[in-house]
């Protein structure tokens, strides 16, 4: 089983997985954190994971892209409405999209992800948010960080470099594909671990 390790970061983590095979893939998502993580996957759904719990999802054959992320400090009522401090899904337990900032993108697939930094502890003051570290686009709303004016109009800037230096495989700005998008093969099993133990 391939192992995708995620460092202990309270902010949201994303994995975007591009499949190159017609075969399904199985993902075990495990919470080794000392706190609850509300895991989400698109496609696949969502699950509350208390410490030491895991959830297995089957990504069907023919899926061209999938995303897995963790949400923190969530509260939902019986109808599935509520909020998460990080990675919220429009106030719903069941995510219909990709989750909302604040986020730290750790985009990758099917190999060990290099991200062992304490992003929250080192977060620049300008990006600090309750329970996490905002992405620069959310804070500054400029083309340089958000790439709103199309392909090739943005790039690595001060705060995107902050994330990239600490988590080299992280998706640090919207067009950071060359070093942050990975292809994994179908027909295999994978493990995503929040707060891996040494």
N, C-alpha and C. Protein backbone atom coordinates (compact mmCIF):
# COMPACT_ATOMS: atom_id res chain seq x y z
N UNK A 1 0.85 -1.17 0.00
CA UNK A 1 0.00 0.00 0.00
C UNK A 1 0.89 1.23 0.00
N UNK A 2 0.69 2.12 -0.95
CA UNK A 2 1.41 3.39 -0.94
C UNK A 2 0.97 4.21 0.25
N UNK A 3 1.84 5.08 0.72
CA UNK A 3 1.58 5.80 1.96
C UNK A 3 1.70 7.30 1.71
N UNK A 4 0.63 8.02 1.92
CA UNK A 4 0.63 9.48 1.80
C UNK A 4 0.58 10.04 3.20
N UNK A 5 1.63 10.68 3.65
CA UNK A 5 1.67 11.20 5.01
C UNK A 5 1.42 12.69 5.01
N UNK A 6 0.62 13.13 5.95
CA UNK A 6 0.31 14.54 6.08
C UNK A 6 0.79 15.00 7.44
N UNK A 7 1.57 16.08 7.47
CA UNK A 7 2.07 16.57 8.75
C UNK A 7 0.93 17.13 9.58
N UNK A 8 1.19 17.34 10.85
CA UNK A 8 0.16 17.83 11.76
C UNK A 8 -0.06 19.31 11.47
N UNK A 9 -1.09 19.58 10.71
CA UNK A 9 -1.47 20.93 10.33
C UNK A 9 -2.96 21.03 10.57
N UNK A 10 -3.38 21.98 11.39
CA UNK A 10 -4.81 22.10 11.68
C UNK A 10 -5.58 22.64 10.50
N UNK A 11 -4.92 23.35 9.61
CA UNK A 11 -5.64 23.88 8.47
C UNK A 11 -5.92 22.77 7.47
N UNK A 12 -6.75 23.07 6.51
CA UNK A 12 -7.22 22.07 5.56
C UNK A 12 -6.09 21.59 4.67
N UNK A 13 -6.13 20.34 4.32
CA UNK A 13 -5.16 19.75 3.42
C UNK A 13 -5.89 19.13 2.25
N UNK A 14 -5.37 19.35 1.07
CA UNK A 14 -5.98 18.79 -0.13
C UNK A 14 -5.01 17.84 -0.80
N UNK A 15 -5.52 16.80 -1.37
CA UNK A 15 -4.77 15.95 -2.27
C UNK A 15 -5.59 15.87 -3.54
N UNK A 16 -5.01 16.20 -4.66
CA UNK A 16 -5.68 16.02 -5.93
C UNK A 16 -5.00 14.87 -6.63
N UNK A 17 -5.78 13.92 -7.03
CA UNK A 17 -5.25 12.69 -7.58
C UNK A 17 -5.76 12.56 -9.01
N UNK A 18 -4.85 12.41 -9.96
CA UNK A 18 -5.21 12.21 -11.35
C UNK A 18 -4.95 10.75 -11.70
N UNK A 19 -5.94 10.08 -12.22
CA UNK A 19 -5.80 8.66 -12.53
C UNK A 19 -5.44 8.46 -13.99
N UNK A 20 -4.58 7.47 -14.24
CA UNK A 20 -4.17 7.15 -15.61
C UNK A 20 -4.59 5.74 -16.00
N UNK A 21 -5.44 5.14 -15.22
CA UNK A 21 -5.85 3.77 -15.49
C UNK A 21 -7.36 3.66 -15.44
N UNK A 22 -7.88 2.64 -16.06
CA UNK A 22 -9.32 2.41 -16.01
C UNK A 22 -9.71 1.63 -14.76
N UNK A 23 -8.75 1.32 -13.88
CA UNK A 23 -9.02 0.53 -12.68
C UNK A 23 -9.35 1.42 -11.49
N UNK A 24 -10.16 0.88 -10.60
CA UNK A 24 -10.52 1.60 -9.37
C UNK A 24 -9.31 1.65 -8.44
N UNK A 25 -9.37 2.55 -7.47
CA UNK A 25 -8.33 2.66 -6.44
C UNK A 25 -9.00 2.74 -5.08
N UNK A 26 -8.39 2.14 -4.10
CA UNK A 26 -8.89 2.15 -2.74
C UNK A 26 -8.02 3.07 -1.90
N UNK A 27 -8.66 3.98 -1.14
CA UNK A 27 -7.94 4.91 -0.27
C UNK A 27 -8.37 4.70 1.17
N UNK A 28 -7.41 4.40 2.04
CA UNK A 28 -7.68 4.38 3.48
C UNK A 28 -7.26 5.74 4.02
N UNK A 29 -8.19 6.43 4.66
CA UNK A 29 -7.93 7.75 5.24
C UNK A 29 -7.93 7.57 6.75
N UNK A 30 -6.81 7.88 7.39
CA UNK A 30 -6.64 7.61 8.82
C UNK A 30 -6.32 8.89 9.58
N UNK A 31 -6.92 9.01 10.77
CA UNK A 31 -6.65 10.16 11.64
C UNK A 31 -5.75 9.73 12.80
N UNK A 32 -4.48 10.11 12.73
CA UNK A 32 -3.56 9.87 13.84
C UNK A 32 -3.36 11.13 14.68
N UNK A 33 -4.19 12.15 14.45
CA UNK A 33 -4.12 13.38 15.24
C UNK A 33 -4.71 13.14 16.62
N UNK A 34 -4.44 14.04 17.53
CA UNK A 34 -5.01 13.94 18.89
C UNK A 34 -6.39 14.58 18.95
N UNK A 35 -6.90 15.07 17.83
CA UNK A 35 -8.19 15.74 17.75
C UNK A 35 -8.98 15.16 16.57
N UNK A 36 -10.27 15.45 16.53
CA UNK A 36 -11.15 14.96 15.47
C UNK A 36 -10.85 15.67 14.16
N UNK A 37 -10.80 14.92 13.09
CA UNK A 37 -10.69 15.46 11.73
C UNK A 37 -11.93 15.00 10.98
N UNK A 38 -12.59 15.92 10.32
CA UNK A 38 -13.74 15.59 9.48
C UNK A 38 -13.20 15.43 8.06
N UNK A 39 -12.94 14.20 7.66
CA UNK A 39 -12.38 13.93 6.34
C UNK A 39 -13.45 14.13 5.27
N UNK A 40 -13.01 14.62 4.13
CA UNK A 40 -13.92 14.81 2.99
C UNK A 40 -13.22 14.32 1.74
N UNK A 41 -13.99 13.81 0.81
CA UNK A 41 -13.45 13.33 -0.46
C UNK A 41 -14.46 13.63 -1.55
N UNK A 42 -13.94 14.02 -2.70
CA UNK A 42 -14.79 14.27 -3.84
C UNK A 42 -14.17 13.57 -5.05
N UNK A 43 -14.80 12.53 -5.60
CA UNK A 43 -16.03 11.92 -5.12
C UNK A 43 -15.75 11.05 -3.90
N UNK A 44 -16.77 10.73 -3.16
CA UNK A 44 -16.59 9.82 -2.05
C UNK A 44 -17.35 10.18 -0.79
N UNK A 45 -17.60 11.46 -0.54
CA UNK A 45 -18.38 11.84 0.63
C UNK A 45 -17.56 12.42 1.75
N UNK A 46 -17.93 12.07 2.97
CA UNK A 46 -17.30 12.66 4.14
C UNK A 46 -17.45 11.73 5.32
N UNK A 47 -16.64 11.96 6.35
CA UNK A 47 -16.70 11.11 7.53
C UNK A 47 -16.03 11.82 8.69
N UNK A 48 -16.65 11.73 9.87
CA UNK A 48 -16.02 12.21 11.10
C UNK A 48 -15.03 11.13 11.55
N UNK A 49 -13.78 11.53 11.73
CA UNK A 49 -12.75 10.59 12.18
C UNK A 49 -12.19 11.05 13.51
N UNK A 50 -12.57 10.35 14.57
CA UNK A 50 -11.98 10.62 15.87
C UNK A 50 -10.54 10.09 15.85
N UNK A 51 -9.72 10.45 16.85
CA UNK A 51 -8.35 9.94 16.86
C UNK A 51 -8.31 8.41 16.71
N UNK A 52 -7.40 7.94 15.88
CA UNK A 52 -7.15 6.52 15.58
C UNK A 52 -8.21 5.87 14.70
N UNK A 53 -9.20 6.61 14.23
CA UNK A 53 -10.20 6.02 13.33
C UNK A 53 -9.75 6.15 11.88
N UNK A 54 -10.29 5.28 11.04
CA UNK A 54 -10.00 5.35 9.62
C UNK A 54 -11.27 5.15 8.81
N UNK A 55 -11.19 5.49 7.54
CA UNK A 55 -12.32 5.41 6.62
C UNK A 55 -11.74 4.99 5.27
N UNK A 56 -12.37 4.05 4.64
CA UNK A 56 -11.89 3.57 3.34
C UNK A 56 -12.89 3.98 2.27
N UNK A 57 -12.37 4.56 1.20
CA UNK A 57 -13.23 4.92 0.07
C UNK A 57 -12.70 4.24 -1.19
N UNK A 58 -13.62 3.93 -2.07
CA UNK A 58 -13.29 3.34 -3.35
C UNK A 58 -13.50 4.42 -4.41
N UNK A 59 -12.44 4.79 -5.09
CA UNK A 59 -12.56 5.74 -6.20
C UNK A 59 -12.79 4.91 -7.45
N UNK A 60 -13.98 5.05 -8.05
CA UNK A 60 -14.37 4.16 -9.15
C UNK A 60 -13.48 4.26 -10.38
N UNK A 61 -13.45 3.19 -11.13
CA UNK A 61 -12.76 3.18 -12.43
C UNK A 61 -13.35 4.28 -13.30
N UNK A 62 -12.52 4.91 -14.09
CA UNK A 62 -12.98 5.97 -14.97
C UNK A 62 -12.95 7.35 -14.34
N UNK A 63 -12.66 7.45 -13.05
CA UNK A 63 -12.57 8.75 -12.39
C UNK A 63 -11.31 9.44 -12.88
N UNK A 64 -11.44 10.68 -13.35
CA UNK A 64 -10.27 11.38 -13.87
C UNK A 64 -9.60 12.25 -12.81
N UNK A 65 -10.33 12.65 -11.77
CA UNK A 65 -9.72 13.45 -10.72
C UNK A 65 -10.50 13.27 -9.43
N UNK A 66 -9.77 13.22 -8.33
CA UNK A 66 -10.39 13.11 -7.02
C UNK A 66 -9.63 14.00 -6.06
N UNK A 67 -10.29 14.39 -4.98
CA UNK A 67 -9.65 15.25 -4.00
C UNK A 67 -10.03 14.77 -2.60
N UNK A 68 -9.05 14.76 -1.70
CA UNK A 68 -9.25 14.36 -0.31
C UNK A 68 -8.70 15.46 0.57
N UNK A 69 -9.46 15.86 1.60
CA UNK A 69 -8.99 16.89 2.51
C UNK A 69 -9.57 16.69 3.90
N UNK A 70 -8.96 17.36 4.87
CA UNK A 70 -9.43 17.30 6.25
C UNK A 70 -10.04 18.62 6.68
N UNK A 71 -11.10 18.54 7.47
CA UNK A 71 -11.74 19.73 8.03
C UNK A 71 -11.59 19.66 9.55
N UNK A 72 -11.49 20.81 10.19
CA UNK A 72 -11.30 20.82 11.64
C UNK A 72 -12.32 21.71 12.33
N UNK A 73 -12.51 21.41 13.63
CA UNK A 73 -13.41 22.18 14.50
C UNK A 73 -14.79 22.34 13.87
N UNK A 74 -15.41 21.22 13.54
CA UNK A 74 -16.72 21.22 12.90
C UNK A 74 -17.83 20.98 13.93
N UNK A 75 -18.97 21.61 13.70
CA UNK A 75 -20.18 21.38 14.48
C UNK A 75 -21.36 21.33 13.53
N UNK A 76 -22.14 20.22 13.57
CA UNK A 76 -23.29 20.06 12.69
C UNK A 76 -24.51 19.68 13.51
N UNK A 77 -25.68 20.10 13.03
CA UNK A 77 -26.92 19.69 13.69
C UNK A 77 -27.39 18.37 13.07
N UNK A 78 -28.53 17.89 13.51
CA UNK A 78 -29.07 16.62 13.04
C UNK A 78 -29.37 16.58 11.55
N UNK A 79 -29.58 17.75 10.94
CA UNK A 79 -29.87 17.80 9.51
C UNK A 79 -28.61 17.94 8.66
N UNK A 80 -27.43 17.97 9.31
CA UNK A 80 -26.18 18.08 8.56
C UNK A 80 -25.79 19.50 8.23
N UNK A 81 -26.38 20.46 8.90
CA UNK A 81 -26.00 21.87 8.69
C UNK A 81 -25.12 22.33 9.84
N UNK A 82 -24.15 23.17 9.53
CA UNK A 82 -23.24 23.67 10.55
C UNK A 82 -22.04 24.33 9.90
N UNK A 83 -20.92 24.31 10.57
CA UNK A 83 -19.71 24.96 10.06
C UNK A 83 -18.47 24.22 10.52
N UNK A 84 -17.41 24.38 9.73
CA UNK A 84 -16.07 23.92 10.11
C UNK A 84 -15.17 25.14 10.12
N UNK A 85 -14.24 25.18 11.07
CA UNK A 85 -13.32 26.30 11.14
C UNK A 85 -12.37 26.30 9.95
N UNK A 86 -11.99 25.13 9.48
CA UNK A 86 -11.16 25.03 8.27
C UNK A 86 -11.79 24.02 7.32
N UNK A 87 -11.73 24.32 6.03
CA UNK A 87 -12.21 23.40 5.01
C UNK A 87 -13.71 23.28 4.90
N UNK A 88 -14.44 24.28 5.35
CA UNK A 88 -15.90 24.22 5.36
C UNK A 88 -16.47 23.96 3.97
N UNK A 89 -17.60 23.30 3.92
CA UNK A 89 -18.27 22.96 2.66
C UNK A 89 -19.61 23.67 2.55
N UNK A 90 -19.59 24.98 2.60
CA UNK A 90 -20.83 25.75 2.46
C UNK A 90 -21.80 25.51 3.59
N UNK A 91 -21.28 25.21 4.78
CA UNK A 91 -22.15 24.99 5.93
C UNK A 91 -22.84 23.64 5.94
N UNK A 92 -22.36 22.70 5.13
CA UNK A 92 -22.98 21.37 5.04
C UNK A 92 -22.01 20.28 5.47
N UNK A 93 -22.54 19.26 6.11
CA UNK A 93 -21.74 18.09 6.48
C UNK A 93 -21.26 17.38 5.21
N UNK A 94 -22.17 17.17 4.26
CA UNK A 94 -21.82 16.47 3.03
C UNK A 94 -21.35 17.47 1.98
N UNK A 95 -20.08 17.39 1.65
CA UNK A 95 -19.48 18.33 0.70
C UNK A 95 -19.96 18.06 -0.71
N UNK A 96 -20.31 19.12 -1.40
CA UNK A 96 -20.71 19.03 -2.80
C UNK A 96 -19.63 19.60 -3.71
N UNK A 97 -18.61 20.22 -3.13
CA UNK A 97 -17.54 20.84 -3.91
C UNK A 97 -16.19 20.50 -3.32
N UNK A 98 -15.29 21.49 -3.32
CA UNK A 98 -13.90 21.26 -2.94
C UNK A 98 -13.53 21.81 -1.57
N UNK A 99 -14.42 22.36 -0.81
CA UNK A 99 -14.06 22.92 0.49
C UNK A 99 -13.60 24.36 0.36
N UNK A 100 -13.67 25.11 1.46
CA UNK A 100 -13.36 26.53 1.44
C UNK A 100 -12.11 26.83 2.26
N UNK A 101 -11.40 27.94 1.93
CA UNK A 101 -10.27 28.37 2.73
C UNK A 101 -10.73 28.73 4.14
N UNK A 102 -9.87 28.82 5.15
CA UNK A 102 -8.42 28.79 5.00
C UNK A 102 -7.94 27.40 4.64
N UNK A 103 -6.92 27.37 3.82
CA UNK A 103 -6.41 26.08 3.42
C UNK A 103 -4.91 26.11 3.22
N UNK A 104 -4.34 24.97 3.37
CA UNK A 104 -2.97 24.72 2.97
C UNK A 104 -3.07 23.61 1.96
N UNK A 105 -2.65 23.87 0.76
CA UNK A 105 -2.77 22.85 -0.27
C UNK A 105 -1.54 21.96 -0.26
N UNK A 106 -1.76 20.72 -0.02
CA UNK A 106 -0.71 19.71 -0.12
C UNK A 106 -1.17 18.77 -1.20
N UNK A 107 -0.96 19.19 -2.42
CA UNK A 107 -1.52 18.53 -3.58
C UNK A 107 -0.60 17.42 -4.04
N UNK A 108 -1.09 16.24 -4.13
CA UNK A 108 -0.22 15.19 -4.60
C UNK A 108 -0.94 13.89 -4.75
N UNK A 109 -0.21 12.87 -5.04
CA UNK A 109 -0.85 11.59 -5.15
C UNK A 109 0.15 10.46 -5.21
N UNK A 110 -0.15 9.42 -4.48
CA UNK A 110 0.44 8.11 -4.69
C UNK A 110 1.93 8.01 -4.40
N UNK A 111 2.48 8.88 -3.64
CA UNK A 111 3.85 8.75 -3.15
C UNK A 111 3.92 9.59 -1.88
N UNK A 112 5.00 9.44 -1.14
CA UNK A 112 5.12 10.22 0.08
C UNK A 112 5.16 11.71 -0.24
N UNK A 113 4.40 12.47 0.52
CA UNK A 113 4.34 13.91 0.36
C UNK A 113 5.32 14.54 1.33
N UNK A 114 6.16 15.44 0.84
CA UNK A 114 7.14 16.10 1.70
C UNK A 114 6.51 17.34 2.31
N UNK A 115 6.03 17.18 3.54
CA UNK A 115 5.45 18.31 4.27
C UNK A 115 5.50 17.98 5.75
N UNK A 116 6.57 18.36 6.40
CA UNK A 116 6.72 18.05 7.82
C UNK A 116 6.73 19.31 8.67
N UNK A 117 6.49 20.45 8.07
CA UNK A 117 6.55 21.73 8.78
C UNK A 117 5.30 21.97 9.61
N UNK A 118 5.45 22.74 10.65
CA UNK A 118 4.32 23.21 11.46
C UNK A 118 3.85 24.52 10.84
N UNK A 119 3.01 24.42 9.82
CA UNK A 119 2.55 25.61 9.09
C UNK A 119 1.85 26.58 10.03
N UNK A 120 0.99 26.08 10.91
CA UNK A 120 0.27 26.99 11.81
C UNK A 120 1.21 27.71 12.75
N UNK A 121 2.20 27.02 13.28
CA UNK A 121 3.14 27.64 14.21
C UNK A 121 4.04 28.66 13.55
N UNK A 122 4.30 28.50 12.25
CA UNK A 122 5.19 29.40 11.52
C UNK A 122 4.44 30.37 10.63
N UNK A 123 3.14 30.35 10.66
CA UNK A 123 2.32 31.16 9.75
C UNK A 123 2.65 32.65 9.89
N UNK A 124 2.91 33.34 8.77
CA UNK A 124 3.14 34.79 8.85
C UNK A 124 1.92 35.50 9.42
N UNK A 125 2.15 36.56 10.16
CA UNK A 125 1.05 37.30 10.80
C UNK A 125 -0.02 37.70 9.80
N UNK A 126 0.37 38.07 8.59
CA UNK A 126 -0.59 38.52 7.58
C UNK A 126 -1.56 37.42 7.16
N UNK A 127 -1.19 36.16 7.37
CA UNK A 127 -2.01 35.04 6.92
C UNK A 127 -2.71 34.29 8.05
N UNK A 128 -2.45 34.68 9.29
CA UNK A 128 -3.04 33.96 10.43
C UNK A 128 -4.57 34.02 10.40
N UNK A 129 -5.17 32.87 10.74
CA UNK A 129 -6.62 32.75 10.83
C UNK A 129 -6.92 31.86 12.02
N UNK A 130 -8.10 32.00 12.63
CA UNK A 130 -8.44 31.11 13.74
C UNK A 130 -8.36 29.65 13.30
N UNK A 131 -7.54 28.87 13.96
CA UNK A 131 -7.43 27.45 13.66
C UNK A 131 -6.58 27.11 12.47
N UNK A 132 -5.92 28.07 11.86
CA UNK A 132 -5.13 27.72 10.69
C UNK A 132 -4.36 28.89 10.12
N UNK A 133 -3.93 28.70 8.90
CA UNK A 133 -3.14 29.68 8.18
C UNK A 133 -3.82 29.87 6.82
N UNK A 134 -4.29 31.07 6.55
CA UNK A 134 -4.99 31.35 5.30
C UNK A 134 -4.07 31.24 4.11
N UNK A 135 -4.66 30.99 2.94
CA UNK A 135 -3.86 31.09 1.74
C UNK A 135 -3.81 32.55 1.32
N UNK A 136 -2.76 32.98 0.61
CA UNK A 136 -2.60 34.39 0.27
C UNK A 136 -3.73 34.94 -0.61
N UNK A 137 -4.33 34.13 -1.46
CA UNK A 137 -5.42 34.61 -2.31
C UNK A 137 -6.60 35.08 -1.47
N UNK A 138 -6.93 34.31 -0.43
CA UNK A 138 -8.05 34.66 0.44
C UNK A 138 -7.81 36.00 1.13
N UNK A 139 -6.58 36.27 1.51
CA UNK A 139 -6.24 37.49 2.26
C UNK A 139 -6.10 38.69 1.33
N UNK A 140 -5.31 38.55 0.27
CA UNK A 140 -4.95 39.71 -0.55
C UNK A 140 -5.84 39.91 -1.78
N UNK A 141 -6.46 38.84 -2.27
CA UNK A 141 -7.39 38.92 -3.40
C UNK A 141 -6.79 39.64 -4.63
N UNK A 142 -5.52 39.38 -4.91
CA UNK A 142 -4.86 39.99 -6.05
C UNK A 142 -4.59 38.92 -7.12
N UNK A 143 -4.42 39.35 -8.36
CA UNK A 143 -4.12 38.42 -9.43
C UNK A 143 -2.83 37.66 -9.15
N UNK A 144 -1.85 38.33 -8.55
CA UNK A 144 -0.58 37.68 -8.27
C UNK A 144 -0.72 36.43 -7.43
N UNK A 145 -1.68 36.43 -6.50
CA UNK A 145 -1.90 35.26 -5.65
C UNK A 145 -3.07 34.40 -6.10
N UNK A 146 -4.03 34.97 -6.81
CA UNK A 146 -5.25 34.24 -7.18
C UNK A 146 -5.28 33.77 -8.63
N UNK A 147 -4.43 34.32 -9.48
CA UNK A 147 -4.39 33.96 -10.90
C UNK A 147 -5.74 34.17 -11.57
N UNK A 148 -6.38 35.27 -11.28
CA UNK A 148 -7.72 35.55 -11.81
C UNK A 148 -7.71 36.03 -13.26
N UNK A 149 -6.55 36.41 -13.79
CA UNK A 149 -6.50 36.95 -15.14
C UNK A 149 -5.99 35.94 -16.16
N UNK A 150 -6.07 34.67 -15.82
CA UNK A 150 -5.75 33.64 -16.80
C UNK A 150 -4.38 33.02 -16.64
N UNK A 151 -4.17 32.02 -17.47
CA UNK A 151 -2.94 31.24 -17.46
C UNK A 151 -1.72 32.13 -17.65
N UNK A 152 -0.69 31.91 -16.85
CA UNK A 152 0.57 32.63 -17.02
C UNK A 152 0.59 34.03 -16.45
N UNK A 153 -0.45 34.45 -15.73
CA UNK A 153 -0.49 35.82 -15.20
C UNK A 153 -0.09 35.88 -13.73
N UNK A 154 0.29 34.77 -13.16
CA UNK A 154 0.72 34.78 -11.76
C UNK A 154 1.85 33.78 -11.60
N UNK A 155 2.43 33.77 -10.42
CA UNK A 155 3.52 32.84 -10.18
C UNK A 155 3.88 32.82 -8.72
N UNK A 156 5.04 32.28 -8.45
CA UNK A 156 5.52 32.16 -7.08
C UNK A 156 5.84 33.55 -6.53
N UNK A 157 5.18 33.89 -5.43
CA UNK A 157 5.41 35.18 -4.77
C UNK A 157 5.78 34.91 -3.32
N UNK A 158 6.01 35.95 -2.55
CA UNK A 158 6.51 35.84 -1.18
C UNK A 158 5.76 34.79 -0.35
N UNK A 159 4.44 34.92 -0.25
CA UNK A 159 3.71 34.02 0.64
C UNK A 159 3.51 32.63 0.04
N UNK A 160 3.43 32.53 -1.28
CA UNK A 160 3.36 31.19 -1.86
C UNK A 160 4.70 30.47 -1.66
N UNK A 161 5.80 31.21 -1.68
CA UNK A 161 7.11 30.61 -1.40
C UNK A 161 7.20 30.14 0.05
N UNK A 162 6.53 30.84 0.99
CA UNK A 162 6.51 30.40 2.39
C UNK A 162 6.01 28.96 2.47
N UNK A 163 4.89 28.66 1.79
CA UNK A 163 4.34 27.30 1.80
C UNK A 163 5.25 26.32 1.06
N UNK A 164 5.74 26.71 -0.10
CA UNK A 164 6.54 25.81 -0.94
C UNK A 164 7.85 25.43 -0.25
N UNK A 165 8.48 26.37 0.47
CA UNK A 165 9.74 26.07 1.17
C UNK A 165 9.52 25.06 2.29
N UNK A 166 8.37 25.09 2.93
CA UNK A 166 8.10 24.20 4.05
C UNK A 166 7.48 22.88 3.60
N UNK A 167 6.73 22.93 2.54
CA UNK A 167 6.07 21.73 2.00
C UNK A 167 6.31 21.71 0.49
N UNK A 168 7.45 21.16 0.05
CA UNK A 168 7.84 21.25 -1.36
C UNK A 168 6.82 20.70 -2.35
N UNK A 169 5.98 19.75 -1.93
CA UNK A 169 4.98 19.20 -2.83
C UNK A 169 3.65 19.94 -2.76
N UNK A 170 3.58 20.96 -1.91
CA UNK A 170 2.33 21.70 -1.72
C UNK A 170 1.96 22.48 -2.97
N UNK A 171 0.68 22.56 -3.20
CA UNK A 171 0.14 23.38 -4.28
C UNK A 171 0.06 24.79 -3.71
N UNK A 172 1.04 25.64 -4.02
CA UNK A 172 1.20 26.90 -3.30
C UNK A 172 0.55 28.10 -3.96
N UNK A 173 0.14 27.99 -5.19
CA UNK A 173 -0.65 29.03 -5.87
C UNK A 173 -1.43 28.35 -6.98
N UNK A 174 -2.50 28.97 -7.50
CA UNK A 174 -3.42 28.26 -8.40
C UNK A 174 -2.81 27.60 -9.63
N UNK A 175 -1.68 28.07 -10.14
CA UNK A 175 -1.11 27.45 -11.33
C UNK A 175 0.23 26.75 -11.03
N UNK A 176 0.36 26.22 -9.83
CA UNK A 176 1.59 25.56 -9.39
C UNK A 176 1.60 24.09 -9.80
N UNK A 177 1.19 23.80 -11.02
CA UNK A 177 1.08 22.42 -11.48
C UNK A 177 2.41 21.69 -11.67
N UNK A 178 3.47 22.32 -12.20
CA UNK A 178 4.68 21.55 -12.53
C UNK A 178 5.29 20.77 -11.37
N UNK A 179 5.22 21.30 -10.15
CA UNK A 179 5.84 20.60 -9.02
C UNK A 179 4.81 20.05 -8.05
N UNK A 180 3.52 20.15 -8.38
CA UNK A 180 2.51 19.81 -7.37
C UNK A 180 1.36 18.95 -7.86
N UNK A 181 1.36 18.55 -9.10
CA UNK A 181 0.32 17.67 -9.60
C UNK A 181 0.98 16.34 -9.94
N UNK A 182 0.42 15.28 -9.40
CA UNK A 182 1.03 13.97 -9.56
C UNK A 182 0.00 13.00 -10.11
N UNK A 183 0.47 12.02 -10.82
CA UNK A 183 -0.41 11.01 -11.40
C UNK A 183 -0.23 9.72 -10.63
N UNK A 184 -1.35 9.10 -10.28
CA UNK A 184 -1.26 7.81 -9.61
C UNK A 184 -2.02 6.79 -10.44
N UNK A 185 -1.59 5.57 -10.32
CA UNK A 185 -2.23 4.54 -11.12
C UNK A 185 -3.41 3.95 -10.38
N UNK A 186 -4.42 3.58 -11.13
CA UNK A 186 -5.56 2.89 -10.55
C UNK A 186 -5.19 1.44 -10.27
N UNK A 187 -6.12 0.71 -9.67
CA UNK A 187 -5.88 -0.68 -9.37
C UNK A 187 -4.92 -0.89 -8.21
N UNK A 188 -4.75 0.13 -7.37
CA UNK A 188 -3.84 0.03 -6.23
C UNK A 188 -4.55 0.54 -4.98
N UNK A 189 -3.94 0.29 -3.84
CA UNK A 189 -4.46 0.79 -2.57
C UNK A 189 -3.52 1.86 -2.03
N UNK A 190 -4.11 2.90 -1.41
CA UNK A 190 -3.33 4.01 -0.89
C UNK A 190 -3.80 4.35 0.51
N UNK A 191 -2.93 5.01 1.26
CA UNK A 191 -3.26 5.43 2.62
C UNK A 191 -2.94 6.92 2.77
N UNK A 192 -3.91 7.69 3.26
CA UNK A 192 -3.73 9.10 3.59
C UNK A 192 -3.81 9.19 5.11
N UNK A 193 -2.76 9.71 5.75
CA UNK A 193 -2.72 9.77 7.21
C UNK A 193 -2.58 11.21 7.66
N UNK A 194 -3.53 11.67 8.47
CA UNK A 194 -3.44 12.98 9.09
C UNK A 194 -2.61 12.84 10.36
N UNK A 195 -1.61 13.71 10.55
CA UNK A 195 -0.70 13.70 11.71
C UNK A 195 0.03 12.37 11.84
N UNK A 196 0.80 11.98 10.82
CA UNK A 196 1.50 10.69 10.90
C UNK A 196 2.48 10.67 12.07
N UNK A 197 2.64 9.52 12.63
CA UNK A 197 3.59 9.35 13.74
C UNK A 197 4.94 8.96 13.14
N UNK A 198 5.97 9.78 13.46
CA UNK A 198 7.35 9.58 13.05
C UNK A 198 7.57 8.42 12.23
